[in-house]
C-alpha cells in the first residue's frame, strides 16, 4: 500500500498565498494514477488546514501503520527560528508558536514502521528539515527516508 498526505494552505490571515492550493491539486493529479491509468497512491488531500493541532494529527496518522510508502507534501508558509529550528506554519500561528516543527515531523518519520517515507516541502526555510536544532545540528535521518525541499534554510 502507498499513501500520501497532500497539504496546500493559501488562507493565512496576515500573509495569504495564492498558489499553494493549486500546487496541492497538481501533486495529487500526478500521484493518484500510474501512467497506464491504474491506481497509484491512496491520497488524502487537505486544503487550508486551520490549526497546528489538525496538521500534526494528519502527519501522525500518515506515518502510522506499515505502508510500503508514506508520502508527505506540504505547500504553504515556512518559518525559521534560530533556537527551535524550522516550522510548517498553520493559519493559527502565534508568536512563539508558528506551527508544526520540522524536527517533530522528522521524529514521526524516523519512528514510523512504513518502509519508505518521502517528505516534500514547498515552503520558505524548508532546507532546515533534516538539520534539527535540538541535536547539536546533526541530522538524524533514518533508513528509508527521502527529503526534497524547495529552498535552503535561509
N, C-alpha and C. Protein backbone atom coordinates (compact mmCIF):
# COMPACT_ATOMS: atom_id res chain seq x y z
N UNK A 1 0.83 -1.18 0.00
CA UNK A 1 0.00 0.00 0.00
C UNK A 1 0.88 1.25 0.00
N UNK A 2 0.47 2.24 -0.78
CA UNK A 2 1.14 3.53 -0.83
C UNK A 2 0.12 4.59 -0.45
N UNK A 3 0.50 5.45 0.51
CA UNK A 3 -0.43 6.50 0.93
C UNK A 3 0.28 7.84 0.92
N UNK A 4 -0.51 8.89 0.68
CA UNK A 4 0.05 10.24 0.61
C UNK A 4 -0.87 11.22 1.32
N UNK A 5 -0.25 12.16 2.00
CA UNK A 5 -0.94 13.29 2.60
C UNK A 5 -0.44 14.53 1.88
N UNK A 6 -1.37 15.24 1.23
CA UNK A 6 -1.02 16.43 0.46
C UNK A 6 -1.73 17.63 1.08
N UNK A 7 -0.93 18.61 1.48
CA UNK A 7 -1.44 19.80 2.16
C UNK A 7 -1.13 21.04 1.31
N UNK A 8 -2.12 21.89 1.13
CA UNK A 8 -1.92 23.19 0.48
C UNK A 8 -2.64 24.26 1.28
N UNK A 9 -1.90 25.25 1.76
CA UNK A 9 -2.51 26.30 2.58
C UNK A 9 -2.28 27.66 1.92
N UNK A 10 -3.37 28.29 1.52
CA UNK A 10 -3.34 29.67 1.00
C UNK A 10 -3.81 30.67 2.04
N UNK A 11 -4.75 30.25 2.88
CA UNK A 11 -5.50 31.16 3.75
C UNK A 11 -4.78 31.50 5.06
N UNK A 12 -3.78 32.36 4.94
CA UNK A 12 -3.10 32.89 6.12
C UNK A 12 -3.63 34.30 6.34
N UNK A 13 -3.94 34.65 7.57
CA UNK A 13 -4.56 35.93 7.89
C UNK A 13 -3.70 37.12 7.46
N UNK A 14 -2.43 37.15 7.90
CA UNK A 14 -1.59 38.32 7.66
C UNK A 14 -0.80 38.27 6.36
N UNK A 15 -0.64 37.09 5.80
CA UNK A 15 0.18 36.96 4.59
C UNK A 15 -0.36 35.83 3.72
N UNK A 16 -1.52 36.06 3.08
CA UNK A 16 -2.13 34.99 2.27
C UNK A 16 -1.26 34.64 1.06
N UNK A 17 -1.37 33.40 0.64
CA UNK A 17 -0.67 32.92 -0.54
C UNK A 17 -1.70 32.63 -1.64
N UNK A 18 -1.23 32.46 -2.86
CA UNK A 18 -2.18 32.23 -3.96
C UNK A 18 -1.97 30.93 -4.70
N UNK A 19 -0.81 30.29 -4.57
CA UNK A 19 -0.54 29.12 -5.39
C UNK A 19 -0.52 27.78 -4.69
N UNK A 20 -0.62 27.76 -3.38
CA UNK A 20 -0.43 26.51 -2.64
C UNK A 20 -1.54 25.49 -2.87
N UNK A 21 -2.78 25.95 -2.94
CA UNK A 21 -3.88 25.02 -3.23
C UNK A 21 -3.69 24.43 -4.62
N UNK A 22 -3.35 25.26 -5.61
CA UNK A 22 -3.11 24.75 -6.95
C UNK A 22 -1.97 23.75 -6.98
N UNK A 23 -0.90 24.02 -6.23
CA UNK A 23 0.22 23.08 -6.15
C UNK A 23 -0.24 21.74 -5.59
N UNK A 24 -1.06 21.78 -4.55
CA UNK A 24 -1.55 20.55 -3.93
C UNK A 24 -2.39 19.74 -4.92
N UNK A 25 -3.27 20.42 -5.65
CA UNK A 25 -4.07 19.73 -6.68
C UNK A 25 -3.18 19.11 -7.75
N UNK A 26 -2.13 19.83 -8.16
CA UNK A 26 -1.23 19.32 -9.20
C UNK A 26 -0.48 18.08 -8.72
N UNK A 27 0.01 18.11 -7.49
CA UNK A 27 0.72 16.95 -6.95
C UNK A 27 -0.24 15.76 -6.83
N UNK A 28 -1.46 16.02 -6.40
CA UNK A 28 -2.46 14.96 -6.29
C UNK A 28 -2.68 14.29 -7.65
N UNK A 29 -2.83 15.10 -8.69
CA UNK A 29 -3.09 14.53 -10.01
C UNK A 29 -1.91 13.71 -10.53
N UNK A 30 -0.70 14.08 -10.14
CA UNK A 30 0.48 13.31 -10.54
C UNK A 30 0.58 11.97 -9.82
N UNK A 31 0.14 11.94 -8.58
CA UNK A 31 0.33 10.75 -7.75
C UNK A 31 -0.82 9.75 -7.77
N UNK A 32 -2.03 10.20 -8.10
CA UNK A 32 -3.18 9.33 -7.90
C UNK A 32 -3.26 8.15 -8.87
N UNK A 33 -2.70 8.29 -10.08
CA UNK A 33 -2.72 7.16 -11.01
C UNK A 33 -1.36 6.99 -11.67
N UNK A 34 -1.08 5.76 -12.07
CA UNK A 34 0.13 5.45 -12.82
C UNK A 34 -0.08 5.85 -14.28
N UNK A 35 0.95 5.78 -15.07
CA UNK A 35 0.87 6.14 -16.47
C UNK A 35 -0.15 5.34 -17.26
N UNK A 36 -0.38 4.09 -16.82
CA UNK A 36 -1.36 3.23 -17.52
C UNK A 36 -2.78 3.43 -16.99
N UNK A 37 -2.96 4.37 -16.06
CA UNK A 37 -4.29 4.65 -15.51
C UNK A 37 -4.65 3.85 -14.28
N UNK A 38 -3.81 2.91 -13.89
CA UNK A 38 -4.09 2.12 -12.69
C UNK A 38 -3.85 2.97 -11.44
N UNK A 39 -4.53 2.63 -10.34
CA UNK A 39 -4.35 3.42 -9.11
C UNK A 39 -2.90 3.39 -8.62
N UNK A 40 -2.46 4.49 -8.07
CA UNK A 40 -1.11 4.59 -7.54
C UNK A 40 -1.18 4.81 -6.03
N UNK A 41 -1.23 6.05 -5.56
CA UNK A 41 -1.27 6.34 -4.13
C UNK A 41 -2.71 6.48 -3.65
N UNK A 42 -2.97 6.07 -2.42
CA UNK A 42 -4.20 6.40 -1.71
C UNK A 42 -3.94 7.78 -1.11
N UNK A 43 -4.68 8.80 -1.60
CA UNK A 43 -4.34 10.20 -1.29
C UNK A 43 -5.37 10.83 -0.38
N UNK A 44 -4.85 11.55 0.62
CA UNK A 44 -5.67 12.43 1.44
C UNK A 44 -5.22 13.86 1.13
N UNK A 45 -6.09 14.61 0.48
CA UNK A 45 -5.81 16.00 0.12
C UNK A 45 -6.52 16.90 1.12
N UNK A 46 -5.76 17.78 1.76
CA UNK A 46 -6.33 18.72 2.73
C UNK A 46 -5.87 20.13 2.36
N UNK A 47 -6.85 21.00 2.18
CA UNK A 47 -6.55 22.39 1.85
C UNK A 47 -6.87 23.27 3.06
N UNK A 48 -5.99 24.25 3.28
CA UNK A 48 -6.20 25.24 4.34
C UNK A 48 -6.46 24.61 5.70
N UNK A 49 -5.63 23.65 6.05
CA UNK A 49 -5.70 23.03 7.38
C UNK A 49 -5.61 24.17 8.39
N UNK A 50 -6.62 24.35 9.25
CA UNK A 50 -6.70 25.58 10.03
C UNK A 50 -5.78 25.68 11.25
N UNK A 51 -5.40 24.53 11.84
CA UNK A 51 -4.66 24.63 13.10
C UNK A 51 -3.43 23.73 13.12
N UNK A 52 -2.51 24.09 13.97
CA UNK A 52 -1.33 23.28 14.21
C UNK A 52 -1.74 21.88 14.67
N UNK A 53 -2.71 21.81 15.56
CA UNK A 53 -3.18 20.52 16.07
C UNK A 53 -3.71 19.64 14.95
N UNK A 54 -4.50 20.23 14.04
CA UNK A 54 -5.04 19.47 12.92
C UNK A 54 -3.93 18.94 12.02
N UNK A 55 -2.95 19.79 11.69
CA UNK A 55 -1.85 19.38 10.82
C UNK A 55 -1.03 18.27 11.48
N UNK A 56 -0.75 18.45 12.75
CA UNK A 56 0.04 17.45 13.47
C UNK A 56 -0.67 16.10 13.50
N UNK A 57 -1.98 16.12 13.73
CA UNK A 57 -2.76 14.87 13.75
C UNK A 57 -2.71 14.19 12.39
N UNK A 58 -2.84 14.95 11.31
CA UNK A 58 -2.77 14.38 9.97
C UNK A 58 -1.41 13.75 9.70
N UNK A 59 -0.35 14.39 10.14
CA UNK A 59 1.01 13.87 9.93
C UNK A 59 1.22 12.59 10.74
N UNK A 60 0.77 12.59 11.98
CA UNK A 60 0.89 11.38 12.81
C UNK A 60 0.14 10.23 12.16
N UNK A 61 -1.06 10.48 11.67
CA UNK A 61 -1.85 9.44 11.00
C UNK A 61 -1.15 8.91 9.75
N UNK A 62 -0.55 9.81 8.97
CA UNK A 62 0.14 9.38 7.76
C UNK A 62 1.24 8.38 8.08
N UNK A 63 2.05 8.68 9.09
CA UNK A 63 3.20 7.83 9.38
C UNK A 63 2.86 6.64 10.28
N UNK A 64 1.58 6.45 10.60
CA UNK A 64 1.18 5.27 11.37
C UNK A 64 1.00 4.09 10.40
N UNK A 65 1.00 2.90 10.94
CA UNK A 65 0.84 1.71 10.11
C UNK A 65 2.14 1.27 9.50
N UNK A 66 2.03 0.41 8.49
CA UNK A 66 3.23 -0.16 7.88
C UNK A 66 3.16 -0.14 6.36
N UNK A 67 2.72 0.97 5.81
CA UNK A 67 2.60 1.11 4.35
C UNK A 67 3.96 0.93 3.69
N UNK A 68 3.93 0.54 2.42
CA UNK A 68 5.17 0.46 1.64
C UNK A 68 5.78 1.85 1.47
N UNK A 69 4.91 2.84 1.20
CA UNK A 69 5.36 4.22 1.05
C UNK A 69 4.38 5.14 1.75
N UNK A 70 4.90 6.08 2.53
CA UNK A 70 4.11 7.17 3.11
C UNK A 70 4.75 8.46 2.61
N UNK A 71 3.98 9.23 1.83
CA UNK A 71 4.49 10.46 1.23
C UNK A 71 3.77 11.65 1.84
N UNK A 72 4.56 12.64 2.29
CA UNK A 72 4.01 13.88 2.84
C UNK A 72 4.44 15.03 1.96
N UNK A 73 3.46 15.82 1.48
CA UNK A 73 3.72 17.01 0.69
C UNK A 73 3.06 18.20 1.37
N UNK A 74 3.84 19.27 1.55
CA UNK A 74 3.32 20.49 2.16
C UNK A 74 3.66 21.68 1.28
N UNK A 75 2.65 22.50 0.98
CA UNK A 75 2.85 23.77 0.30
C UNK A 75 2.16 24.85 1.13
N UNK A 76 2.95 25.80 1.59
CA UNK A 76 2.45 26.87 2.45
C UNK A 76 3.62 27.68 2.97
N UNK A 77 3.39 28.37 4.06
CA UNK A 77 4.46 29.17 4.67
C UNK A 77 5.36 28.29 5.53
N UNK A 78 6.65 28.62 5.51
CA UNK A 78 7.62 28.03 6.42
C UNK A 78 8.23 29.13 7.26
N UNK A 79 8.78 28.75 8.41
CA UNK A 79 9.36 29.74 9.32
C UNK A 79 10.60 29.14 9.95
N UNK A 80 11.60 29.96 10.19
CA UNK A 80 12.84 29.51 10.82
C UNK A 80 13.09 30.31 12.08
N UNK A 81 13.26 29.60 13.17
CA UNK A 81 13.59 30.18 14.47
C UNK A 81 14.99 29.68 14.81
N UNK A 82 15.88 30.56 15.14
CA UNK A 82 17.27 30.18 15.39
C UNK A 82 17.43 29.19 16.54
N UNK A 83 16.51 29.16 17.45
CA UNK A 83 16.59 28.23 18.58
C UNK A 83 15.79 26.96 18.31
N UNK A 84 14.57 27.12 17.82
CA UNK A 84 13.67 25.98 17.63
C UNK A 84 13.78 25.29 16.30
N UNK A 85 14.44 25.91 15.31
CA UNK A 85 14.57 25.30 14.00
C UNK A 85 13.45 25.72 13.07
N UNK A 86 13.14 24.86 12.10
CA UNK A 86 12.15 25.16 11.09
C UNK A 86 10.75 24.70 11.47
N UNK A 87 9.76 25.38 10.91
CA UNK A 87 8.35 25.07 11.19
C UNK A 87 7.54 25.13 9.90
N UNK A 88 6.51 24.30 9.82
CA UNK A 88 5.47 24.43 8.81
C UNK A 88 4.39 25.27 9.46
N UNK A 89 4.11 26.42 8.88
CA UNK A 89 3.22 27.39 9.50
C UNK A 89 1.76 27.06 9.19
N UNK A 90 0.94 27.18 10.22
CA UNK A 90 -0.50 26.99 10.08
C UNK A 90 -1.20 28.33 10.28
N UNK A 91 -2.44 28.46 9.78
CA UNK A 91 -3.13 29.76 9.88
C UNK A 91 -3.35 30.26 11.31
N UNK A 92 -3.30 29.38 12.29
CA UNK A 92 -3.48 29.81 13.68
C UNK A 92 -2.16 30.20 14.35
N UNK A 93 -1.11 30.41 13.56
CA UNK A 93 0.22 30.73 14.11
C UNK A 93 0.16 31.93 15.05
N UNK A 94 0.96 31.84 16.11
CA UNK A 94 1.07 32.91 17.09
C UNK A 94 2.55 33.15 17.36
N UNK A 95 2.87 34.26 18.00
CA UNK A 95 4.24 34.48 18.44
C UNK A 95 4.66 33.31 19.32
N UNK A 96 5.84 32.80 19.05
CA UNK A 96 6.42 31.68 19.80
C UNK A 96 5.70 30.36 19.59
N UNK A 97 4.79 30.28 18.63
CA UNK A 97 4.11 29.03 18.31
C UNK A 97 3.65 29.08 16.85
N UNK A 98 4.61 29.02 15.90
CA UNK A 98 4.28 29.23 14.49
C UNK A 98 3.59 28.05 13.81
N UNK A 99 3.79 26.85 14.30
CA UNK A 99 3.21 25.70 13.62
C UNK A 99 3.88 24.41 14.04
N UNK A 100 3.90 23.43 13.14
CA UNK A 100 4.47 22.12 13.43
C UNK A 100 5.96 22.14 13.12
N UNK A 101 6.76 21.76 14.11
CA UNK A 101 8.20 21.77 13.96
C UNK A 101 8.70 20.71 12.99
N UNK A 102 9.66 21.10 12.16
CA UNK A 102 10.27 20.14 11.23
C UNK A 102 10.94 19.01 11.99
N UNK A 103 11.52 19.31 13.15
CA UNK A 103 12.12 18.27 13.98
C UNK A 103 11.07 17.24 14.39
N UNK A 104 9.87 17.70 14.74
CA UNK A 104 8.78 16.80 15.13
C UNK A 104 8.42 15.86 13.98
N UNK A 105 8.30 16.43 12.79
CA UNK A 105 7.93 15.62 11.63
C UNK A 105 8.99 14.57 11.35
N UNK A 106 10.25 14.96 11.45
CA UNK A 106 11.34 14.00 11.25
C UNK A 106 11.28 12.90 12.29
N UNK A 107 10.96 13.23 13.52
CA UNK A 107 10.83 12.21 14.56
C UNK A 107 9.70 11.23 14.26
N UNK A 108 8.56 11.74 13.76
CA UNK A 108 7.46 10.85 13.39
C UNK A 108 7.88 9.92 12.25
N UNK A 109 8.57 10.46 11.26
CA UNK A 109 9.03 9.65 10.14
C UNK A 109 10.06 8.62 10.60
N UNK A 110 11.00 9.04 11.44
CA UNK A 110 12.03 8.11 11.93
C UNK A 110 11.45 6.96 12.73
N UNK A 111 10.39 7.21 13.47
CA UNK A 111 9.81 6.16 14.31
C UNK A 111 8.71 5.37 13.61
N UNK A 112 8.43 5.71 12.36
CA UNK A 112 7.37 5.05 11.60
C UNK A 112 7.79 3.65 11.15
N UNK A 113 6.81 2.75 11.10
CA UNK A 113 7.05 1.41 10.58
C UNK A 113 6.82 1.33 9.07
N UNK A 114 6.46 2.43 8.44
CA UNK A 114 6.33 2.45 6.99
C UNK A 114 7.71 2.19 6.39
N UNK A 115 7.74 1.44 5.31
CA UNK A 115 9.03 1.03 4.75
C UNK A 115 9.80 2.20 4.14
N UNK A 116 9.12 3.05 3.41
CA UNK A 116 9.74 4.21 2.79
C UNK A 116 8.93 5.45 3.12
N UNK A 117 9.62 6.50 3.51
CA UNK A 117 8.98 7.77 3.85
C UNK A 117 9.55 8.85 2.95
N UNK A 118 8.64 9.57 2.27
CA UNK A 118 9.05 10.64 1.37
C UNK A 118 8.43 11.93 1.90
N UNK A 119 9.27 12.95 2.06
CA UNK A 119 8.81 14.24 2.58
C UNK A 119 9.21 15.31 1.58
N UNK A 120 8.20 16.02 1.06
CA UNK A 120 8.42 17.07 0.08
C UNK A 120 7.86 18.37 0.66
N UNK A 121 8.72 19.36 0.84
CA UNK A 121 8.31 20.63 1.44
C UNK A 121 8.49 21.75 0.44
N UNK A 122 7.40 22.42 0.10
CA UNK A 122 7.42 23.55 -0.81
C UNK A 122 7.06 24.81 -0.01
N UNK A 123 8.05 25.26 0.77
CA UNK A 123 7.84 26.42 1.63
C UNK A 123 9.19 27.07 1.92
N UNK A 124 9.15 28.32 2.32
CA UNK A 124 10.38 29.00 2.72
C UNK A 124 11.02 28.27 3.89
N UNK A 125 12.33 28.28 3.93
CA UNK A 125 13.13 27.70 5.01
C UNK A 125 13.02 26.18 5.08
N UNK A 126 12.49 25.53 4.03
CA UNK A 126 12.32 24.08 4.07
C UNK A 126 13.65 23.35 4.15
N UNK A 127 14.73 23.98 3.73
CA UNK A 127 16.04 23.36 3.82
C UNK A 127 16.51 23.12 5.24
N UNK A 128 15.79 23.66 6.23
CA UNK A 128 16.12 23.39 7.63
C UNK A 128 15.72 21.98 8.02
N UNK A 129 14.89 21.33 7.20
CA UNK A 129 14.46 19.97 7.51
C UNK A 129 15.66 19.02 7.43
N UNK A 130 15.81 18.20 8.43
CA UNK A 130 16.92 17.25 8.45
C UNK A 130 18.15 17.77 9.16
N UNK A 131 18.09 19.01 9.64
CA UNK A 131 19.19 19.55 10.45
C UNK A 131 18.60 20.07 11.76
N UNK A 132 18.17 19.15 12.60
CA UNK A 132 17.49 19.54 13.85
C UNK A 132 18.35 20.45 14.72
N UNK A 133 17.70 21.41 15.34
CA UNK A 133 18.38 22.34 16.23
C UNK A 133 18.61 21.72 17.61
N UNK A 134 17.79 20.74 17.97
CA UNK A 134 17.89 20.18 19.32
C UNK A 134 18.86 19.01 19.42
N UNK A 135 19.70 18.80 18.43
CA UNK A 135 20.63 17.68 18.47
C UNK A 135 22.01 18.12 17.98
N UNK A 136 22.45 19.27 18.44
CA UNK A 136 23.76 19.81 18.05
C UNK A 136 23.92 19.93 16.54
N UNK A 137 22.83 20.25 15.86
CA UNK A 137 22.82 20.44 14.41
C UNK A 137 23.26 19.20 13.63
N UNK A 138 23.09 18.01 14.19
CA UNK A 138 23.38 16.78 13.47
C UNK A 138 22.08 16.22 12.92
N UNK A 139 22.09 15.88 11.65
CA UNK A 139 20.90 15.30 11.03
C UNK A 139 20.72 13.87 11.51
N UNK A 140 19.53 13.54 11.88
CA UNK A 140 19.18 12.18 12.29
C UNK A 140 18.11 11.67 11.34
N UNK A 141 18.51 11.43 10.11
CA UNK A 141 17.58 10.95 9.09
C UNK A 141 17.72 9.44 9.02
N UNK A 142 16.64 8.74 9.39
CA UNK A 142 16.66 7.29 9.46
C UNK A 142 16.61 6.61 8.10
N UNK A 143 16.72 5.28 8.14
CA UNK A 143 16.64 4.48 6.93
C UNK A 143 15.29 4.64 6.25
N UNK A 144 15.31 4.68 4.95
CA UNK A 144 14.07 4.73 4.17
C UNK A 144 13.43 6.09 4.09
N UNK A 145 14.13 7.14 4.48
CA UNK A 145 13.56 8.49 4.42
C UNK A 145 14.23 9.28 3.30
N UNK A 146 13.40 9.85 2.43
CA UNK A 146 13.88 10.74 1.36
C UNK A 146 13.22 12.10 1.57
N UNK A 147 14.03 13.16 1.43
CA UNK A 147 13.55 14.52 1.67
C UNK A 147 13.86 15.38 0.46
N UNK A 148 12.87 16.13 0.01
CA UNK A 148 13.03 17.09 -1.07
C UNK A 148 12.51 18.42 -0.58
N UNK A 149 13.35 19.46 -0.63
CA UNK A 149 12.94 20.77 -0.17
C UNK A 149 13.05 21.79 -1.29
N UNK A 150 12.19 22.81 -1.24
CA UNK A 150 12.12 23.81 -2.29
C UNK A 150 13.12 24.95 -2.07
N UNK A 151 13.72 25.03 -0.90
CA UNK A 151 14.62 26.15 -0.64
C UNK A 151 15.68 25.74 0.38
N UNK A 152 16.65 26.61 0.56
CA UNK A 152 17.63 26.43 1.62
C UNK A 152 16.98 26.85 2.94
N UNK A 153 17.65 26.60 4.04
CA UNK A 153 17.09 27.01 5.33
C UNK A 153 17.04 28.53 5.46
N UNK A 154 17.92 29.22 4.80
CA UNK A 154 17.93 30.68 4.89
C UNK A 154 17.17 31.33 3.75
